[in-house]
Protein backbone atom coordinates (compact mmCIF):
# COMPACT_ATOMS: atom_id res chain seq x y z
CA MET A 1 8.68 -11.81 -46.21
CA ILE A 2 9.68 -14.09 -43.40
CA THR A 3 8.01 -13.41 -40.05
CA THR A 4 9.34 -14.54 -36.70
CA ASN A 5 7.67 -15.00 -33.37
CA THR A 6 9.06 -12.89 -30.54
CA PRO A 7 7.82 -14.32 -27.23
CA THR A 8 10.48 -12.56 -25.13
CA PRO A 9 8.38 -9.49 -24.18
CA LYS A 10 5.58 -11.77 -22.92
CA LEU A 11 8.06 -13.76 -20.88
CA ARG A 12 9.44 -10.57 -19.40
CA ALA A 13 5.93 -9.37 -18.57
CA ASP A 14 5.13 -12.69 -16.91
CA ALA A 15 8.34 -12.54 -14.92
CA SER A 16 7.55 -9.01 -13.81
CA ARG A 17 4.06 -10.03 -12.71
CA ASN A 18 5.45 -13.02 -10.81
CA ARG A 19 7.93 -10.80 -9.02
CA ALA A 20 5.20 -8.33 -8.06
CA ARG A 21 2.96 -11.15 -6.82
CA ILE A 22 5.78 -12.55 -4.70
CA ILE A 23 6.47 -9.15 -3.11
CA ASP A 24 2.77 -8.60 -2.36
CA ALA A 25 2.36 -12.09 -0.94
CA ALA A 26 5.50 -11.75 1.17
CA ARG A 27 4.30 -8.42 2.56
CA GLU A 28 1.02 -9.95 3.71
CA ALA A 29 2.76 -13.03 5.11
CA PHE A 30 5.28 -10.91 7.02
CA VAL A 31 2.46 -8.85 8.53
CA GLU A 32 0.59 -11.95 9.67
CA HIS A 33 3.45 -14.21 10.73
CA GLY A 34 6.64 -12.18 10.99
CA ALA A 35 9.88 -12.27 9.05
CA ASP A 36 10.47 -16.01 9.59
CA VAL A 37 7.40 -17.17 7.67
CA PRO A 38 8.36 -20.18 5.48
CA PHE A 39 9.12 -19.47 1.85
CA ASP A 40 6.72 -22.29 0.93
CA GLU A 41 3.87 -20.23 2.37
CA ILE A 42 4.93 -17.11 0.46
CA ALA A 43 5.17 -19.06 -2.80
CA ARG A 44 1.74 -20.61 -2.19
CA ARG A 45 0.16 -17.20 -1.59
CA ALA A 46 1.83 -15.79 -4.69
CA GLY A 47 0.65 -18.70 -6.81
CA VAL A 48 4.18 -19.57 -7.95
CA GLY A 49 6.56 -22.44 -7.40
CA ASN A 50 9.47 -22.32 -4.98
CA ALA A 51 11.88 -22.30 -7.91
CA THR A 52 10.29 -19.11 -9.23
CA LEU A 53 10.58 -17.47 -5.81
CA TYR A 54 14.27 -18.33 -5.49
CA ARG A 55 14.91 -17.28 -9.08
CA ASN A 56 13.71 -13.79 -8.15
CA PHE A 57 15.09 -13.58 -4.61
CA ALA A 58 18.19 -15.49 -3.61
CA ASP A 59 17.47 -15.46 0.11
CA ARG A 60 15.20 -14.07 2.82
CA ARG A 61 17.25 -10.93 3.33
CA GLU A 62 16.94 -9.95 -0.34
CA LEU A 63 13.18 -10.58 -0.29
CA ILE A 64 12.72 -8.49 2.87
CA HIS A 65 14.79 -5.73 1.30
CA HIS A 66 12.49 -5.51 -1.73
CA VAL A 67 9.30 -5.84 0.30
CA THR A 68 10.43 -2.93 2.47
CA LEU A 69 11.32 -0.82 -0.56
CA SER A 70 7.93 -1.60 -2.09
CA VAL A 71 6.06 -0.49 1.04
CA LEU A 72 8.11 2.70 1.41
CA ASP A 73 7.53 3.57 -2.25
CA ARG A 74 3.80 2.94 -1.94
CA VAL A 75 3.50 5.15 1.14
CA VAL A 76 5.33 7.97 -0.69
CA GLU A 77 2.91 7.55 -3.61
CA HIS A 78 -0.03 7.83 -1.20
CA ALA A 79 1.36 11.11 0.15
CA GLU A 80 2.02 12.58 -3.28
CA ARG A 81 -1.41 11.57 -4.58
CA ALA A 82 -3.17 12.98 -1.52
CA MET A 83 -1.40 16.33 -1.85
CA ALA A 84 -2.10 16.50 -5.58
CA GLU A 85 -5.77 15.55 -5.41
CA GLU A 86 -6.99 17.06 -2.13
CA PRO A 87 -7.35 20.87 -2.13
CA ASP A 88 -7.82 20.84 1.65
CA ALA A 89 -4.51 20.33 3.51
CA PHE A 90 -6.02 18.49 6.46
CA ALA A 91 -8.07 16.29 4.14
CA ALA A 92 -4.79 15.36 2.42
CA LEU A 93 -3.23 14.55 5.80
CA THR A 94 -6.23 12.43 6.74
CA ARG A 95 -6.24 10.57 3.45
CA PHE A 96 -2.50 9.93 3.70
CA ALA A 97 -2.86 8.67 7.28
CA HIS A 98 -5.54 6.12 6.40
CA ALA A 99 -3.66 4.95 3.30
CA SER A 100 -0.48 4.53 5.34
CA ALA A 101 -2.39 2.53 7.93
CA ASP A 102 -3.51 0.15 5.19
CA GLU A 103 0.15 -0.53 4.46
CA ARG A 104 0.53 -1.81 8.06
CA MET A 105 3.69 0.15 8.74
CA GLY A 106 3.64 -0.78 12.43
CA ALA A 107 3.58 -4.49 11.76
CA LEU A 108 6.41 -4.13 9.25
CA CYS A 109 8.66 -2.05 11.53
CA PRO A 110 10.65 -5.12 12.70
CA LEU A 111 11.73 -5.68 9.09
CA LEU A 112 13.23 -2.19 9.05
CA SER A 113 15.04 -2.63 12.34
CA ASP A 114 16.18 -6.24 12.26
CA HIS A 115 16.53 -7.51 8.69
CA ILE A 116 17.80 -4.79 6.37
CA ASP A 117 21.08 -3.06 5.75
CA LYS A 118 20.61 0.45 7.11
CA ASN A 119 23.59 1.66 5.05
CA ASP A 120 22.19 0.43 1.74
CA PRO A 121 21.99 3.49 -0.60
CA GLU A 122 18.70 2.38 -2.17
CA MET A 123 17.08 1.94 1.24
CA ALA A 124 18.49 5.22 2.54
CA ASP A 125 17.08 7.05 -0.48
CA ALA A 126 13.63 5.48 -0.03
CA LYS A 127 13.54 6.41 3.66
CA ALA A 128 14.67 9.97 2.87
CA ARG A 129 11.90 10.40 0.29
CA LEU A 130 9.35 9.11 2.81
CA GLN A 131 10.58 11.56 5.43
CA GLU A 132 10.45 14.46 2.96
CA THR A 133 6.92 13.74 1.76
CA THR A 134 5.59 13.09 5.27
CA THR A 135 7.14 16.34 6.45
CA GLU A 136 5.54 18.19 3.54
CA VAL A 137 2.06 16.77 4.23
CA VAL A 138 2.30 17.81 7.88
CA ALA A 139 3.80 21.21 7.03
CA ARG A 140 0.92 21.99 4.67
CA ALA A 141 -1.61 21.13 7.37
CA HIS A 142 0.25 23.39 9.78
CA ALA A 143 0.39 26.22 7.26
CA SER A 144 -3.36 25.97 6.67
CA GLY A 145 -3.97 26.51 10.38
CA GLN A 146 -5.90 23.24 10.64
CA LEU A 147 -3.24 21.21 12.45
CA ARG A 148 -2.51 22.17 16.03
CA GLU A 149 0.91 23.73 16.46
CA ASP A 150 2.07 21.39 19.23
CA VAL A 151 1.86 18.31 16.97
CA GLY A 152 5.06 17.39 15.13
CA VAL A 153 5.87 15.08 12.25
CA GLY A 154 7.16 12.53 14.74
CA ASP A 155 3.82 12.51 16.56
CA PHE A 156 2.11 11.68 13.28
CA VAL A 157 4.57 8.89 12.46
CA ILE A 158 4.27 7.36 15.94
CA ALA A 159 0.48 7.30 15.66
CA ILE A 160 0.56 5.51 12.31
CA THR A 161 3.00 2.85 13.50
CA GLN A 162 1.34 2.27 16.87
CA LEU A 163 -2.18 2.07 15.50
CA THR A 164 -1.17 -0.57 12.95
CA ARG A 165 0.09 -2.95 15.61
CA PRO A 166 -0.01 -5.51 17.27
CA LEU A 167 3.13 -7.09 15.95
CA PRO A 168 2.97 -10.31 13.91
CA GLY A 169 2.01 -13.36 15.92
CA THR A 170 0.05 -11.44 18.56
CA LYS A 171 -3.35 -13.07 18.90
CA CYS A 172 -4.67 -11.40 22.03
CA LEU A 173 -6.99 -9.05 20.14
CA ASP A 174 -7.98 -8.74 16.52
CA ILE A 175 -7.68 -4.96 16.19
CA ASP A 176 -7.51 -4.71 12.40
CA GLN A 177 -11.20 -3.92 12.19
CA PHE A 178 -10.74 -0.95 14.53
CA VAL A 179 -7.61 0.65 13.05
CA HIS A 180 -9.31 3.26 10.89
CA ARG A 181 -11.84 4.11 13.61
CA HIS A 182 -9.13 4.82 16.18
CA LEU A 183 -6.93 6.57 13.65
CA GLN A 184 -9.77 8.97 12.89
CA LEU A 185 -10.17 9.66 16.62
CA PHE A 186 -6.48 10.57 16.70
CA LEU A 187 -6.76 12.77 13.61
CA ASP A 188 -9.73 14.61 15.09
CA GLY A 189 -7.60 15.32 18.17
CA MET A 190 -4.87 16.79 15.96
CA GLN A 191 -7.08 19.52 14.57
CA ALA A 192 -6.84 23.14 15.63
CA PRO A 193 -7.98 24.74 17.80
CA SER A 194 -6.68 22.38 20.47
CA ARG A 195 -8.88 21.50 23.40
CA SER A 196 -6.06 20.85 25.85
CA ALA A 197 -2.30 21.28 26.25
CA LEU A 198 -0.18 18.28 25.37
CA PRO A 199 2.51 17.25 27.85
CA GLY A 200 6.10 17.56 26.65
CA ARG A 201 6.99 18.91 23.23
CA ALA A 202 6.21 18.08 19.64
CA VAL A 203 8.04 14.96 18.45
CA THR A 204 10.39 15.40 15.50
CA LEU A 205 11.75 12.84 13.03
CA GLU A 206 15.16 13.30 14.66
CA ASP A 207 13.65 12.06 17.93
CA LEU A 208 12.76 8.82 16.18
CA THR A 209 16.20 8.27 14.65
CA PRO A 210 18.25 5.66 16.54
CA ARG A 211 21.40 7.12 18.05
CA ALA A 212 24.70 5.36 17.53
């Protein structure tokens, strides 16, 4: 019997790993330096050549698109895993909050607002899934009676994005080491019973949606 070598699956696996490394490296580079970080730096961090980077992503816009999708998908996975594995609703909310902070959503917000096609169906679907899972995590904490009633989903989202700033390029203070500490202070303040009345009303996701 004649046997043949079939290297194609290995090549495909290598290509998949390279693509994943590029996306991870680009995410970290965007957080540290902003969307205009040189492709040479991203390729260096990923451990690939420039040709490999361009073979996977034709231009900066395409790379930013896939980095953003990757982050949104990962945050959804954090929410789903927290709800599945934590029997306590507020513990799930807390776990999800800290995992989301690790994704540096605040530092990546400019990518969402300035460099992606808001009408792209794939992006719209990813954002919708994130909104649905975030709403569910918060709703469960409300239903358990552990989350104060005057805190909305929008309040939670604002806290995550604000506590994972400053934006790329800001060197005034290195706050990364304090993010989880201050996030936990915020989460403690969200628990019922409340110790004071919040001004205004609970923030909704609709409040955070840009108006045309």
